[in-house]
Amino acid sequence: MSSLKVNTISAVLKFRKGTIQVNEEYMRTLEILSKKLMFVQVDQMVKAAKALKDVQLELEKLRQKAVSKVFDFIVQKLYALRKPKTNIQILQQSVLLKYKRVFLFGF
């Protein structure tokens, strides 16, 4: 398993609830994290490795933290749909489609 870079971990962790700013960098970070998690789940040799047992708990905590933050971001964007006189089509095209990779990470 390739190493999980410190900047990937810090990017996920520094994402604060009050200052939700998802940008291209954060989406790339989620993509990297997603690939690492899939690699750990799929590869049988990695599953059997003793080194995985050392980091598996930390990877799971990092995944849970990222999912929590993605959920907060999604709720914030969906809440904008409830505002009166909101042009839903523009919101879908300009915001929701732009962040589709973030939405996919939650699943």
N, C-alpha and C. Protein backbone atom coordinates (compact mmCIF):
# COMPACT_ATOMS: atom_id res chain seq x y z
N MET A 1 0.85 -1.18 0.00
CA MET A 1 0.00 0.00 0.00
C MET A 1 0.89 1.23 0.00
N SER A 2 0.62 2.13 -0.91
CA SER A 2 1.40 3.35 -0.93
C SER A 2 1.02 4.19 0.28
N SER A 3 1.94 5.00 0.72
CA SER A 3 1.72 5.74 1.96
C SER A 3 0.64 6.80 1.79
N LEU A 4 -0.07 7.00 2.85
CA LEU A 4 -1.09 8.05 2.89
C LEU A 4 -0.38 9.32 3.32
N LYS A 5 -0.26 10.26 2.43
CA LYS A 5 0.54 11.45 2.69
C LYS A 5 -0.04 12.28 3.82
N VAL A 6 0.84 12.94 4.52
CA VAL A 6 0.44 13.78 5.65
C VAL A 6 -0.47 14.91 5.19
N ASN A 7 -0.21 15.48 4.01
CA ASN A 7 -1.05 16.58 3.53
C ASN A 7 -2.46 16.10 3.20
N THR A 8 -2.63 14.83 2.81
CA THR A 8 -3.96 14.28 2.57
C THR A 8 -4.72 14.19 3.89
N ILE A 9 -4.04 13.69 4.90
CA ILE A 9 -4.67 13.56 6.22
C ILE A 9 -5.02 14.93 6.78
N SER A 10 -4.08 15.85 6.71
CA SER A 10 -4.34 17.17 7.28
C SER A 10 -5.43 17.91 6.50
N ALA A 11 -5.51 17.69 5.19
CA ALA A 11 -6.55 18.35 4.39
C ALA A 11 -7.94 17.86 4.81
N VAL A 12 -8.06 16.58 5.11
CA VAL A 12 -9.35 16.05 5.55
C VAL A 12 -9.68 16.58 6.94
N LEU A 13 -8.69 16.61 7.82
CA LEU A 13 -8.93 16.99 9.21
C LEU A 13 -9.13 18.48 9.41
N LYS A 14 -8.50 19.32 8.60
CA LYS A 14 -8.61 20.77 8.83
C LYS A 14 -9.89 21.37 8.27
N PHE A 15 -10.66 20.58 7.58
CA PHE A 15 -11.95 21.00 7.02
C PHE A 15 -12.90 21.22 8.18
N ARG A 16 -13.16 22.44 8.54
CA ARG A 16 -13.97 22.76 9.73
C ARG A 16 -15.45 22.87 9.39
N LYS A 17 -16.27 22.51 10.34
CA LYS A 17 -17.72 22.51 10.14
C LYS A 17 -18.24 23.92 9.87
N GLY A 18 -17.77 24.90 10.57
CA GLY A 18 -18.25 26.27 10.41
C GLY A 18 -17.78 26.93 9.13
N THR A 19 -16.65 26.51 8.63
CA THR A 19 -16.08 27.12 7.42
C THR A 19 -16.00 26.08 6.31
N ILE A 20 -17.15 25.64 5.88
CA ILE A 20 -17.19 24.59 4.87
C ILE A 20 -16.77 25.17 3.53
N GLN A 21 -15.60 24.80 3.10
CA GLN A 21 -15.07 25.25 1.81
C GLN A 21 -14.57 24.03 1.06
N VAL A 22 -15.39 23.53 0.18
CA VAL A 22 -14.99 22.41 -0.65
C VAL A 22 -14.53 23.00 -1.98
N ASN A 23 -13.32 22.67 -2.34
CA ASN A 23 -12.78 23.15 -3.60
C ASN A 23 -12.14 21.97 -4.34
N GLU A 24 -11.49 22.26 -5.45
CA GLU A 24 -10.87 21.21 -6.25
C GLU A 24 -9.84 20.43 -5.45
N GLU A 25 -9.08 21.12 -4.63
CA GLU A 25 -8.05 20.45 -3.82
C GLU A 25 -8.68 19.46 -2.85
N TYR A 26 -9.75 19.87 -2.19
CA TYR A 26 -10.40 18.97 -1.24
C TYR A 26 -11.04 17.78 -1.96
N MET A 27 -11.60 18.02 -3.15
CA MET A 27 -12.18 16.92 -3.91
C MET A 27 -11.10 15.93 -4.35
N ARG A 28 -9.93 16.42 -4.73
CA ARG A 28 -8.82 15.52 -5.07
C ARG A 28 -8.38 14.73 -3.85
N THR A 29 -8.37 15.39 -2.70
CA THR A 29 -8.00 14.71 -1.47
C THR A 29 -8.98 13.58 -1.16
N LEU A 30 -10.27 13.83 -1.34
CA LEU A 30 -11.26 12.78 -1.12
C LEU A 30 -11.10 11.64 -2.11
N GLU A 31 -10.75 11.97 -3.34
CA GLU A 31 -10.52 10.94 -4.36
C GLU A 31 -9.34 10.05 -3.97
N ILE A 32 -8.26 10.67 -3.51
CA ILE A 32 -7.09 9.91 -3.08
C ILE A 32 -7.45 9.01 -1.91
N LEU A 33 -8.14 9.55 -0.94
CA LEU A 33 -8.55 8.77 0.22
C LEU A 33 -9.45 7.62 -0.20
N SER A 34 -10.36 7.87 -1.10
CA SER A 34 -11.26 6.83 -1.58
C SER A 34 -10.48 5.70 -2.26
N LYS A 35 -9.50 6.05 -3.08
CA LYS A 35 -8.69 5.03 -3.76
C LYS A 35 -7.90 4.21 -2.76
N LYS A 36 -7.36 4.86 -1.74
CA LYS A 36 -6.60 4.14 -0.71
C LYS A 36 -7.50 3.16 0.05
N LEU A 37 -8.69 3.62 0.38
CA LEU A 37 -9.63 2.76 1.11
C LEU A 37 -10.07 1.57 0.26
N MET A 38 -10.32 1.81 -1.03
CA MET A 38 -10.71 0.72 -1.92
C MET A 38 -9.57 -0.29 -2.07
N PHE A 39 -8.35 0.20 -2.18
CA PHE A 39 -7.18 -0.67 -2.32
C PHE A 39 -7.07 -1.59 -1.12
N VAL A 40 -7.27 -1.04 0.06
CA VAL A 40 -7.17 -1.83 1.29
C VAL A 40 -8.27 -2.88 1.34
N GLN A 41 -9.46 -2.55 0.86
CA GLN A 41 -10.58 -3.48 0.92
C GLN A 41 -10.50 -4.58 -0.13
N VAL A 42 -9.94 -4.28 -1.30
CA VAL A 42 -9.99 -5.22 -2.43
C VAL A 42 -8.80 -6.17 -2.44
N ASP A 43 -7.61 -5.68 -2.21
CA ASP A 43 -6.40 -6.49 -2.36
C ASP A 43 -6.26 -7.48 -1.20
N GLN A 44 -6.26 -8.77 -1.52
CA GLN A 44 -6.18 -9.82 -0.50
C GLN A 44 -4.83 -9.83 0.21
N MET A 45 -3.77 -9.53 -0.51
CA MET A 45 -2.44 -9.51 0.13
C MET A 45 -2.34 -8.39 1.15
N VAL A 46 -2.96 -7.28 0.85
CA VAL A 46 -2.94 -6.15 1.78
C VAL A 46 -3.77 -6.49 3.02
N LYS A 47 -4.90 -7.16 2.81
CA LYS A 47 -5.74 -7.55 3.95
C LYS A 47 -4.99 -8.45 4.93
N ALA A 48 -4.09 -9.27 4.40
CA ALA A 48 -3.35 -10.20 5.24
C ALA A 48 -2.11 -9.57 5.88
N ALA A 49 -1.74 -8.40 5.43
CA ALA A 49 -0.51 -7.77 5.92
C ALA A 49 -0.65 -7.32 7.37
N LYS A 50 0.40 -7.53 8.14
CA LYS A 50 0.41 -7.11 9.53
C LYS A 50 0.44 -5.58 9.64
N ALA A 51 1.06 -4.94 8.68
CA ALA A 51 1.15 -3.47 8.70
C ALA A 51 -0.24 -2.84 8.61
N LEU A 52 -1.15 -3.49 7.91
CA LEU A 52 -2.50 -2.95 7.78
C LEU A 52 -3.19 -2.89 9.13
N LYS A 53 -2.94 -3.88 9.94
CA LYS A 53 -3.57 -3.89 11.26
C LYS A 53 -3.16 -2.68 12.09
N ASP A 54 -1.97 -2.15 11.85
CA ASP A 54 -1.50 -0.96 12.55
C ASP A 54 -2.25 0.30 12.12
N VAL A 55 -2.58 0.39 10.84
CA VAL A 55 -3.17 1.62 10.32
C VAL A 55 -4.65 1.52 10.00
N GLN A 56 -5.21 0.32 10.07
CA GLN A 56 -6.60 0.14 9.67
C GLN A 56 -7.56 0.98 10.53
N LEU A 57 -7.33 1.02 11.81
CA LEU A 57 -8.19 1.81 12.69
C LEU A 57 -8.10 3.30 12.35
N GLU A 58 -6.89 3.77 12.07
CA GLU A 58 -6.71 5.19 11.72
C GLU A 58 -7.35 5.51 10.37
N LEU A 59 -7.25 4.59 9.41
CA LEU A 59 -7.90 4.80 8.12
C LEU A 59 -9.42 4.88 8.29
N GLU A 60 -9.96 4.04 9.13
CA GLU A 60 -11.40 4.05 9.36
C GLU A 60 -11.83 5.36 10.04
N LYS A 61 -11.04 5.84 10.99
CA LYS A 61 -11.35 7.11 11.64
C LYS A 61 -11.31 8.25 10.63
N LEU A 62 -10.32 8.22 9.76
CA LEU A 62 -10.19 9.25 8.73
C LEU A 62 -11.37 9.20 7.76
N ARG A 63 -11.80 7.99 7.38
CA ARG A 63 -12.95 7.84 6.50
C ARG A 63 -14.21 8.39 7.18
N GLN A 64 -14.39 8.07 8.45
CA GLN A 64 -15.57 8.55 9.18
C GLN A 64 -15.57 10.07 9.28
N LYS A 65 -14.41 10.65 9.52
CA LYS A 65 -14.30 12.11 9.62
C LYS A 65 -14.64 12.75 8.27
N ALA A 66 -14.12 12.17 7.18
CA ALA A 66 -14.39 12.72 5.85
C ALA A 66 -15.87 12.59 5.50
N VAL A 67 -16.48 11.45 5.82
CA VAL A 67 -17.91 11.25 5.53
C VAL A 67 -18.75 12.24 6.33
N SER A 68 -18.38 12.48 7.57
CA SER A 68 -19.09 13.44 8.39
C SER A 68 -19.03 14.84 7.79
N LYS A 69 -17.88 15.21 7.32
CA LYS A 69 -17.71 16.55 6.74
C LYS A 69 -18.41 16.67 5.39
N VAL A 70 -18.38 15.61 4.62
CA VAL A 70 -19.09 15.60 3.34
C VAL A 70 -20.60 15.70 3.59
N PHE A 71 -21.08 14.99 4.59
CA PHE A 71 -22.50 15.05 4.94
C PHE A 71 -22.91 16.48 5.30
N ASP A 72 -22.10 17.14 6.13
CA ASP A 72 -22.39 18.53 6.51
C ASP A 72 -22.43 19.44 5.29
N PHE A 73 -21.50 19.23 4.37
CA PHE A 73 -21.45 20.04 3.15
C PHE A 73 -22.70 19.81 2.30
N ILE A 74 -23.09 18.54 2.14
CA ILE A 74 -24.26 18.20 1.32
C ILE A 74 -25.52 18.79 1.93
N VAL A 75 -25.66 18.68 3.23
CA VAL A 75 -26.83 19.25 3.91
C VAL A 75 -26.89 20.75 3.68
N GLN A 76 -25.75 21.41 3.77
CA GLN A 76 -25.71 22.86 3.55
C GLN A 76 -26.17 23.21 2.14
N LYS A 77 -25.72 22.45 1.14
CA LYS A 77 -26.09 22.74 -0.25
C LYS A 77 -27.56 22.41 -0.50
N LEU A 78 -28.05 21.35 0.10
CA LEU A 78 -29.46 21.00 -0.09
C LEU A 78 -30.38 21.97 0.64
N TYR A 79 -29.91 22.53 1.72
CA TYR A 79 -30.70 23.51 2.45
C TYR A 79 -30.95 24.74 1.57
N ALA A 80 -30.01 25.05 0.69
CA ALA A 80 -30.19 26.19 -0.21
C ALA A 80 -31.37 25.97 -1.15
N LEU A 81 -31.74 24.72 -1.40
CA LEU A 81 -32.89 24.44 -2.25
C LEU A 81 -34.21 24.84 -1.59
N ARG A 82 -34.22 24.92 -0.28
CA ARG A 82 -35.44 25.23 0.45
C ARG A 82 -35.75 26.72 0.50
N LYS A 83 -34.79 27.54 0.17
CA LYS A 83 -35.01 28.98 0.23
C LYS A 83 -36.02 29.40 -0.84
N PRO A 84 -36.88 30.35 -0.50
CA PRO A 84 -37.86 30.81 -1.49
C PRO A 84 -37.19 31.50 -2.68
N LYS A 85 -37.82 31.34 -3.81
CA LYS A 85 -37.38 31.96 -5.06
C LYS A 85 -35.98 31.52 -5.48
N THR A 86 -35.62 30.30 -5.15
CA THR A 86 -34.33 29.74 -5.56
C THR A 86 -34.50 29.13 -6.94
N ASN A 87 -33.60 29.46 -7.83
CA ASN A 87 -33.60 28.85 -9.14
C ASN A 87 -32.90 27.49 -9.03
N ILE A 88 -33.69 26.45 -8.92
CA ILE A 88 -33.16 25.12 -8.65
C ILE A 88 -32.29 24.63 -9.79
N GLN A 89 -32.67 24.92 -11.02
CA GLN A 89 -31.90 24.45 -12.16
C GLN A 89 -30.48 25.03 -12.16
N ILE A 90 -30.36 26.30 -11.87
CA ILE A 90 -29.04 26.93 -11.81
C ILE A 90 -28.23 26.34 -10.66
N LEU A 91 -28.86 26.14 -9.53
CA LEU A 91 -28.18 25.54 -8.38
C LEU A 91 -27.70 24.13 -8.72
N GLN A 92 -28.52 23.37 -9.42
CA GLN A 92 -28.11 22.02 -9.81
C GLN A 92 -26.90 22.06 -10.74
N GLN A 93 -26.94 22.93 -11.72
CA GLN A 93 -25.87 22.98 -12.71
C GLN A 93 -24.60 23.61 -12.18
N SER A 94 -24.72 24.65 -11.39
CA SER A 94 -23.53 25.37 -10.97
C SER A 94 -22.90 24.81 -9.70
N VAL A 95 -23.69 24.21 -8.83
CA VAL A 95 -23.15 23.75 -7.55
C VAL A 95 -23.17 22.23 -7.44
N LEU A 96 -24.34 21.65 -7.58
CA LEU A 96 -24.48 20.23 -7.32
C LEU A 96 -23.69 19.38 -8.32
N LEU A 97 -23.72 19.73 -9.59
CA LEU A 97 -22.94 18.97 -10.57
C LEU A 97 -21.44 19.20 -10.39
N LYS A 98 -21.09 20.40 -10.01
CA LYS A 98 -19.67 20.71 -9.80
C LYS A 98 -19.07 19.84 -8.70
N TYR A 99 -19.86 19.54 -7.69
CA TYR A 99 -19.37 18.79 -6.55
C TYR A 99 -19.86 17.34 -6.54
N LYS A 100 -20.13 16.77 -7.71
CA LYS A 100 -20.65 15.41 -7.75
C LYS A 100 -19.67 14.40 -7.17
N ARG A 101 -18.37 14.65 -7.29
CA ARG A 101 -17.39 13.72 -6.70
C ARG A 101 -17.49 13.71 -5.17
N VAL A 102 -17.83 14.84 -4.59
CA VAL A 102 -18.01 14.92 -3.14
C VAL A 102 -19.25 14.10 -2.74
N PHE A 103 -20.32 14.23 -3.53
CA PHE A 103 -21.53 13.47 -3.23
C PHE A 103 -21.27 11.97 -3.34
N LEU A 104 -20.48 11.56 -4.32
CA LEU A 104 -20.18 10.15 -4.51
C LEU A 104 -19.32 9.58 -3.40
N PHE A 105 -18.48 10.41 -2.79
CA PHE A 105 -17.64 9.91 -1.71
C PHE A 105 -18.46 9.43 -0.52
N GLY A 106 -19.57 10.07 -0.28
CA GLY A 106 -20.41 9.69 0.84
C GLY A 106 -21.03 8.31 0.70
N PHE A 107 -21.00 7.75 -0.49
CA PHE A 107 -21.61 6.44 -0.70
C PHE A 107 -20.59 5.42 -0.86
